[in-house]
Every structure is written in C-alpha cells, then in structure tokens.
Protein backbone atom coordinates (compact mmCIF):
# COMPACT_ATOMS: atom_id res chain seq x y z
CA MET A 1 -33.95 -6.43 16.21
CA ILE A 2 -30.50 -5.37 16.81
CA THR A 3 -30.69 -1.84 16.61
CA GLN A 4 -27.49 0.00 17.89
CA ALA A 5 -25.80 -0.16 21.47
CA SER A 6 -22.83 1.32 22.57
CA LEU A 7 -20.37 -1.56 23.99
CA ILE A 8 -16.92 -0.05 24.38
CA GLY A 9 -17.03 4.07 25.02
CA SER A 10 -14.20 6.52 25.77
CA VAL A 11 -14.23 9.95 26.14
CA VAL A 12 -11.16 12.28 24.76
CA GLY A 13 -11.72 15.69 25.64
CA ALA A 14 -15.39 16.05 24.41
CA ILE A 15 -15.44 13.57 21.51
CA VAL A 16 -16.82 10.28 22.63
CA VAL A 17 -15.36 7.14 20.85
CA SER A 18 -17.83 4.28 20.97
CA GLU A 19 -18.85 0.71 18.96
CA ILE A 20 -21.77 0.98 17.37
CA LEU A 21 -24.20 -2.15 16.14
CA ALA A 22 -26.85 -1.82 12.82
CA PRO A 23 -28.67 -4.87 11.77
CA GLY A 24 -27.57 -6.89 9.02
CA PRO A 25 -28.89 -10.09 7.05
CA LEU A 26 -28.03 -12.82 9.88
CA GLY A 27 -26.59 -11.01 12.32
CA ALA A 28 -24.86 -7.39 13.84
CA LEU A 29 -23.11 -4.80 11.67
CA ARG A 30 -20.14 -3.25 13.84
CA GLY A 31 -18.58 0.00 13.35
CA THR A 32 -17.61 2.89 15.50
CA LEU A 33 -18.95 6.12 16.55
CA THR A 34 -16.58 8.93 16.96
CA ARG A 35 -19.14 11.96 18.49
CA VAL A 36 -18.12 15.28 18.67
CA ALA A 37 -20.27 17.54 21.80
CA GLU A 38 -22.08 19.66 19.29
CA ALA A 39 -25.86 18.19 18.79
CA SER A 40 -26.04 19.71 15.16
CA ALA A 41 -22.42 18.51 13.99
CA PRO A 42 -22.58 16.91 10.87
CA VAL A 43 -22.54 13.35 10.58
CA VAL A 44 -20.16 11.72 7.94
CA LEU A 45 -20.99 7.51 7.27
CA ILE A 46 -16.88 6.35 5.70
CA LEU A 47 -17.60 3.67 3.01
CA PRO A 48 -14.43 1.55 3.10
CA GLY A 49 -12.75 1.20 -0.12
CA SER A 50 -11.95 -2.59 -1.90
CA GLY A 51 -11.30 -6.08 -0.69
CA PRO A 52 -10.85 -7.14 3.25
CA THR A 53 -10.80 -3.47 4.24
CA ASP A 54 -11.33 -2.95 7.89
CA ARG A 55 -13.01 0.46 9.55
CA ASP A 56 -9.98 1.83 10.53
CA GLY A 57 -8.65 1.61 6.53
CA ASN A 58 -6.47 -1.52 7.24
CA ASN A 59 -6.23 -5.17 5.66
CA PRO A 60 -4.12 -8.14 5.77
CA PHE A 61 -2.64 -7.72 1.93
CA GLY A 62 -0.11 -4.98 3.56
CA ILE A 63 -2.22 -1.80 4.22
CA GLN A 64 -1.78 -0.56 7.53
CA ALA A 65 -2.74 3.33 7.07
CA ALA A 66 -4.76 3.47 9.67
CA THR A 67 -6.73 5.93 7.16
CA TYR A 68 -10.36 6.02 8.40
CA ARG A 69 -9.18 5.87 12.32
CA HIS A 70 -6.76 9.15 11.46
CA LEU A 71 -9.77 10.75 8.99
CA SER A 72 -12.49 10.00 12.32
CA ASP A 73 -10.24 11.75 14.49
CA ASP A 74 -9.13 14.76 12.22
CA LEU A 75 -13.03 15.23 11.17
CA ALA A 76 -13.90 15.08 15.14
CA ALA A 77 -11.12 17.77 15.75
CA GLU A 78 -13.00 19.90 13.31
CA GLY A 79 -16.22 19.41 14.72
CA VAL A 80 -17.80 16.63 12.71
CA THR A 81 -19.01 13.13 14.44
CA SER A 82 -18.62 9.93 12.02
CA ILE A 83 -19.28 6.94 12.00
CA ARG A 84 -16.60 3.94 10.20
CA ILE A 85 -17.46 0.62 9.17
CA ASP A 86 -16.81 -3.17 8.75
CA LYS A 87 -18.16 -4.93 5.77
CA ARG A 88 -20.62 -7.37 6.08
CA GLY A 89 -19.04 -10.84 6.61
CA MET A 90 -15.57 -9.39 7.87
CA PHE A 91 -14.05 -8.10 10.73
CA GLY A 92 -16.32 -7.11 13.33
CA SER A 93 -19.28 -7.68 10.78
CA ALA A 94 -17.89 -11.64 10.24
CA SER A 95 -21.41 -12.64 11.10
CA ALA A 96 -23.80 -10.37 9.30
CA VAL A 97 -23.81 -13.11 6.53
CA LYS A 98 -21.99 -16.74 5.95
CA ASP A 99 -20.24 -15.82 3.20
CA ALA A 100 -18.23 -12.22 2.80
CA ASN A 101 -17.64 -12.99 -0.69
CA ALA A 102 -20.85 -13.74 -2.07
CA VAL A 103 -21.92 -9.62 -1.81
CA THR A 104 -22.84 -7.04 -4.54
CA ILE A 105 -23.11 -3.50 -4.61
CA GLU A 106 -26.98 -3.53 -4.20
CA ASP A 107 -25.94 -5.70 -0.87
CA TYR A 108 -23.58 -2.25 0.47
CA VAL A 109 -26.72 -0.19 -0.30
CA ASP A 110 -28.99 -2.28 1.97
CA ASP A 111 -25.90 -1.79 4.37
CA VAL A 112 -25.85 1.64 3.80
CA ARG A 113 -29.97 2.38 4.50
CA SER A 114 -29.51 0.26 8.20
CA TRP A 115 -26.25 2.34 9.08
CA VAL A 116 -28.00 5.41 7.76
CA ASP A 117 -31.01 4.62 9.75
CA VAL A 118 -28.72 3.76 13.08
CA ALA A 119 -26.49 7.23 12.49
CA GLN A 120 -30.37 9.13 12.79
CA ARG A 121 -31.60 7.34 15.86
CA GLU A 122 -28.48 7.65 17.85
CA THR A 123 -27.34 11.20 16.56
CA GLY A 124 -30.66 13.12 16.09
CA ALA A 125 -29.46 14.13 12.83
CA LYS A 126 -31.56 14.97 10.14
CA CYS A 127 -29.34 12.98 7.56
CA VAL A 128 -26.32 11.67 6.75
CA TRP A 129 -23.26 12.40 4.76
CA LEU A 130 -21.69 9.12 2.91
CA LEU A 131 -18.03 9.55 2.13
CA GLY A 132 -17.25 6.75 -0.06
CA HIS A 133 -12.78 6.03 -0.27
CA SER A 134 -12.04 4.50 -3.68
CA GLU A 135 -14.55 1.39 -3.79
CA GLY A 136 -16.36 2.80 -1.40
CA GLY A 137 -17.39 5.84 -3.68
CA LEU A 138 -19.08 3.86 -5.84
CA VAL A 139 -20.73 2.19 -2.95
CA ALA A 140 -21.95 5.59 -1.98
CA LEU A 141 -23.32 6.81 -5.70
CA ALA A 142 -25.45 3.84 -6.01
CA ALA A 143 -26.70 4.49 -2.63
CA SER A 144 -27.23 8.37 -3.59
CA ASP A 145 -30.87 7.74 -4.62
CA ARG A 146 -32.06 4.43 -3.01
CA VAL A 147 -31.13 5.86 0.73
CA PRO A 148 -33.06 8.35 2.41
CA ASP A 149 -32.12 11.17 4.50
CA ILE A 150 -28.80 11.26 3.10
CA CYS A 151 -27.09 15.30 3.33
CA GLY A 152 -24.75 14.68 0.38
CA LEU A 153 -21.89 12.34 -1.24
CA VAL A 154 -17.97 13.22 -0.56
CA LEU A 155 -15.96 10.97 -3.18
CA VAL A 156 -12.39 10.36 -2.07
CA ALA A 157 -10.26 9.05 -4.80
CA THR A 158 -12.96 7.69 -6.60
CA ALA A 159 -12.45 6.04 -9.70
CA GLY A 160 -14.31 8.39 -12.70
CA ARG A 161 -15.18 5.18 -14.93
CA ASN A 162 -16.24 2.19 -15.21
CA MET A 163 -14.13 -0.61 -13.02
CA GLY A 164 -14.28 -2.85 -15.63
CA GLU A 165 -12.45 -0.06 -17.52
CA VAL A 166 -10.04 0.26 -14.58
CA LEU A 167 -9.45 -3.08 -14.50
CA LYS A 168 -8.51 -3.20 -18.50
CA ASP A 169 -6.32 -0.19 -18.03
CA GLN A 170 -4.66 -1.22 -15.15
CA LEU A 171 -3.96 -4.73 -17.02
CA ARG A 172 -2.65 -3.00 -20.11
CA SER A 173 -0.03 -0.45 -17.98
CA ASN A 174 2.04 -3.68 -17.12
CA PRO A 175 4.13 -4.56 -19.95
CA ALA A 176 4.31 -8.42 -18.04
CA ASN A 177 0.48 -8.67 -19.03
CA ALA A 178 0.92 -8.97 -22.73
CA GLU A 179 0.15 -12.67 -23.14
CA LEU A 180 -2.81 -12.59 -20.59
CA LEU A 181 -4.39 -9.15 -22.39
CA PRO A 182 -6.42 -10.93 -25.45
CA ARG A 183 -8.35 -13.51 -22.42
CA ALA A 184 -8.22 -10.78 -19.63
CA MET A 185 -10.28 -8.14 -21.88
CA THR A 186 -12.52 -11.03 -23.02
CA ALA A 187 -13.23 -12.23 -19.27
CA ILE A 188 -13.70 -8.67 -18.33
CA ASP A 189 -16.42 -7.98 -21.10
CA GLU A 190 -18.50 -11.19 -20.34
CA LEU A 191 -18.66 -10.02 -16.62
CA SER A 192 -19.54 -6.63 -17.72
CA ALA A 193 -22.33 -8.72 -19.65
CA GLY A 194 -23.51 -10.05 -16.47
CA ARG A 195 -22.13 -13.29 -17.70
CA ARG A 196 -19.50 -15.55 -15.28
CA VAL A 197 -16.51 -17.03 -16.49
CA ALA A 198 -15.84 -20.25 -15.25
CA ALA A 199 -11.81 -21.11 -13.93
CA GLU A 200 -11.21 -23.42 -16.57
CA HIS A 201 -12.13 -21.26 -19.08
CA MET A 202 -9.25 -18.84 -17.86
CA PRO A 203 -5.24 -19.42 -17.40
CA PRO A 204 -4.31 -19.41 -13.45
CA ALA A 205 -2.82 -15.67 -13.20
CA LEU A 206 -6.37 -14.59 -14.46
CA ALA A 207 -8.71 -17.15 -12.13
CA ALA A 208 -6.66 -15.22 -9.52
CA LEU A 209 -7.73 -12.06 -10.59
CA LEU A 210 -11.15 -12.88 -11.16
CA PRO A 211 -12.03 -15.62 -9.08
CA GLU A 212 -15.35 -17.42 -9.09
CA GLN A 213 -16.34 -16.49 -5.36
CA VAL A 214 -16.40 -12.99 -6.00
CA GLN A 215 -17.63 -12.85 -9.49
CA GLY A 216 -21.02 -12.04 -8.52
CA PHE A 217 -19.69 -8.77 -7.07
CA LEU A 218 -17.77 -8.17 -10.20
CA ILE A 219 -20.72 -8.32 -12.24
CA SER A 220 -22.43 -5.77 -9.99
CA ALA A 221 -20.09 -3.43 -10.48
CA PHE A 222 -18.68 -3.82 -13.48
CA ARG A 223 -22.66 -2.61 -14.48
CA LEU A 224 -22.00 0.49 -12.70
CA ASP A 225 -20.89 3.64 -14.20
CA PRO A 226 -19.91 6.19 -11.76
CA ARG A 227 -20.50 9.01 -14.28
CA GLN A 228 -24.01 8.06 -15.10
CA LEU A 229 -24.30 7.74 -11.49
CA VAL A 230 -22.93 11.22 -10.15
CA ALA A 231 -24.63 12.99 -13.23
CA ALA A 232 -27.76 11.79 -11.38
CA VAL A 233 -26.72 13.09 -7.96
CA LYS A 234 -29.17 16.43 -7.02
CA LYS A 235 -27.34 16.21 -3.95
CA PRO A 236 -24.25 18.23 -2.58
CA VAL A 237 -21.49 16.27 -3.73
CA LEU A 238 -17.41 16.71 -3.12
CA ILE A 239 -14.88 14.87 -5.12
CA LEU A 240 -11.54 14.77 -3.35
CA GLN A 241 -8.48 13.99 -5.51
CA GLY A 242 -4.94 13.69 -4.08
CA ARG A 243 -2.27 14.55 -6.39
CA ARG A 244 0.07 11.49 -5.82
CA ASP A 245 -2.40 9.26 -6.07
CA ILE A 246 -0.93 6.22 -8.36
CA GLN A 247 -4.71 4.47 -8.50
CA VAL A 248 -7.00 6.28 -8.86
CA GLY A 249 -5.99 9.85 -11.04
CA VAL A 250 -6.73 13.10 -11.22
CA LYS A 251 -8.24 12.45 -14.77
CA ASP A 252 -11.18 10.53 -12.99
CA ALA A 253 -11.69 12.96 -10.39
CA GLN A 254 -12.19 15.57 -13.44
CA ALA A 255 -14.62 12.92 -15.48
CA LEU A 256 -16.96 12.86 -12.19
CA HIS A 257 -16.81 16.67 -11.85
CA ASP A 258 -17.71 17.21 -15.70
CA ALA A 259 -20.31 14.54 -15.21
CA ASN A 260 -22.48 17.10 -12.28
CA ALA A 261 -21.23 20.39 -13.08
CA SER A 262 -22.19 21.35 -9.66
CA SER A 263 -20.45 19.03 -7.76
CA HIS A 264 -17.13 20.60 -5.59
CA LEU A 265 -13.89 19.48 -7.03
CA VAL A 266 -10.72 19.64 -4.31
CA LEU A 267 -7.40 18.49 -5.74
CA LEU A 268 -4.90 17.97 -3.21
CA SER A 269 -1.44 18.12 -3.56
CA ASP A 270 1.54 16.10 -2.70
CA THR A 271 -1.64 13.73 -1.16
CA ASN A 272 -1.94 9.71 -2.31
CA HIS A 273 -4.69 7.30 -2.15
CA VAL A 274 -4.24 6.04 1.30
CA LEU A 275 -4.51 10.36 2.10
CA LYS A 276 -0.82 10.82 3.58
CA GLN A 277 1.42 13.30 1.68
CA VAL A 278 3.74 12.34 -0.65
CA ASP A 279 6.64 14.53 -2.13
CA THR A 280 8.36 12.66 -4.32
CA ASP A 281 7.11 10.53 -7.93
CA ASP A 282 9.17 7.84 -6.23
CA VAL A 283 6.27 4.86 -6.34
CA SER A 284 8.44 2.68 -3.52
CA ALA A 285 8.24 5.95 -1.50
CA ASN A 286 4.45 6.33 -2.08
CA LEU A 287 3.56 2.79 -0.76
CA MET A 288 5.50 2.81 2.01
CA THR A 289 3.43 5.15 3.13
CA TYR A 290 0.65 2.17 3.05
CA ALA A 291 1.95 0.32 5.59
CA ASN A 292 2.53 3.47 8.19
CA ALA A 293 -0.44 3.68 10.79
CA THR A 294 1.92 6.56 12.50
CA LEU A 295 1.89 8.60 9.38
CA PRO A 296 -0.97 11.64 10.12
CA LEU A 297 -2.86 12.21 7.19
CA ALA A 298 -1.78 14.90 4.11
CA PRO A 299 -2.56 18.24 5.61
CA TYR A 300 -6.18 19.54 5.00
CA VAL A 301 -7.86 16.50 3.92
CA ALA A 302 -10.58 16.40 6.93
CA ARG A 303 -10.15 20.66 6.46
CA ALA A 304 -11.55 20.31 3.38
CA ILE A 305 -14.51 17.51 3.87
CA ALA A 306 -15.57 19.62 6.98
CA SER A 307 -15.42 22.59 5.09
CA PHE A 308 -17.64 21.21 2.65
CA VAL A 309 -20.31 19.57 4.88
CA LYS A 310 -20.91 22.17 7.63
CA THR A 311 -21.08 24.82 4.91
CA SER A 312 -23.59 22.51 3.11
CA PRO A 313 -27.38 24.31 2.72
CA ASN A 314 -28.65 20.33 3.16
CA GLN A 315 -26.66 20.73 6.47
CA ALA A 316 -27.89 23.95 7.40
CA GLN A 317 -31.93 22.44 7.42
C-alpha cells in the first residue's frame, strides 16, 4: 500500500519542497509538501476549489493565478508547513480513479482522511489543519467530524449557503438567463432532492451547466448546508474573506460566522476570490488577476492564517 514518498525534493533556505503521495482508491494521490525547519510547526492541508483545479490553484479554463503555490510559499515564510494536492482523477492524481467526474463530497472526505494520515506520519504533527478554498471549504466542513486528528478549519472564500442556493442566485443575477430560469430552478430542486435530471429534459444551455456526468457530485454537494455544518464544529474555525471577491461575498462569510459564534472572522480589504490584491470595482480588472501567476497574494492573507493556526490552543497541545 502506498503511504508516502518524497520523489522530487528541493531545499530553499530552511524550507524543503517535495512530492508527497497518499493512497487513493486505485492509485496514488499526489501533492506537494512545503515543510519548514521547525518540527513543531503547524501543518495545513490545502483543499482546492471547484472543477479541474490543480495543486497550484490553476485550471485549464483560464485560471492561472497559482494561488495555492503562492499560499504555500507565503505560509512557509510565516513558519507554517503545508500540503497542496491534486484531486483524485486529475493531474498528478489521475491514476487514483478511472473517472474524475464520478466523485462525491464523501469521496473527497475519504481523500482528506488519507492525506491527514500521511501528513502526520511525514511531519510528526499531532493534528492537521484543513484549509478549504471556495468549494474546498465545503469539503473541509464535511470532513470536520469524520476525520480524526484535525486541529481545526480555515475557511477561505467559502460559501455560507447551500451550493444550490448559490447557483440559483448566480443564474438570477444575469438577465440573459430569464427564459432559462424556470427550467433551471426545477432542475436544481430535483438535484437537491437527490434525483438526477436527464439531458433530454433540459435545454442545451442548462444541460451544459448541469451535465449528467457530474450530477452525482452535485447531488452530494446540494444536500449540504455549510451553516449547519459549521455550527456543529467544536474545534477552532477561521473564516477568511476578501471584500473584492466577486464569486463569494462578505454575506457568506458573515453567515458562517453567525452560525458558529466561536469562529474567528477576518475580512480582507482589496482582496478577491483568488486572494490577489484588487483596488477597484472594475470586474475586468478583478478577473485579470485570475490569469496572472506572477502577481503575489494580497498582503496579510498568509499572515492572518499563520497567526490563527500558530496561536490556537489545539496547536499548542
């Protein structure tokens, strides 16, 4: 059985960057370990956002911000070890399953369990922090009571509403979707109730939005309410939200915070969904940062995370 192995390693100062493996259903799950010299440093597992997003935070649909690579580097500079991962069936983890689309939130939770086990064996950490970005926040929440040895959660740009609700709001916000809305609302309600919707029962535009091959995943996600999940978390929770995020809003972060009064809410000014600095309301300027891998993360992103995980009572145990 595969546990872990450092296949490719490099040393940057006192920081060691190496390939790391965890067991997947059919083959290895792969990621990158960025390890600091301090043996007692917090260990953060970065859970990626939606779609074919790789361990660096990039995807083939125009997102080349390298958010997770920058985040790992910045956390290391703050004295925090991290692991960033490729999802099962994708990129380095392509051999883990036959079909990357045939996945559910529960499957991703299983992978979190594998990664936490490997992280502990590799680093000696007593517990591991889950940092979920966007959809990864939902995975972190779902894993919070199912995976042992979790220190706590860091929810970054995480929706505070059911994913079906978020999708409905996104569709309603575009006047061009007016004719599509009745069918779309019905389809989302069907998926939320656990029932698949055949492509022949949807107009082509809607079938492209809710393709049959990913409906199993959508059903698993639509039935989860982040507010209920975070309310049940007894461990430390940091909610980090950029004020310039055009995908997930401050109201989402506030909803999560309201559901868990002991959580810690940090709102970052001039910070967008991919954690880059944006100082304008211009949407095109905001989106331009999604394709700029050389642009650093906004100030204080890593510092806010590092400060929270390093001072948590769980970390001190």
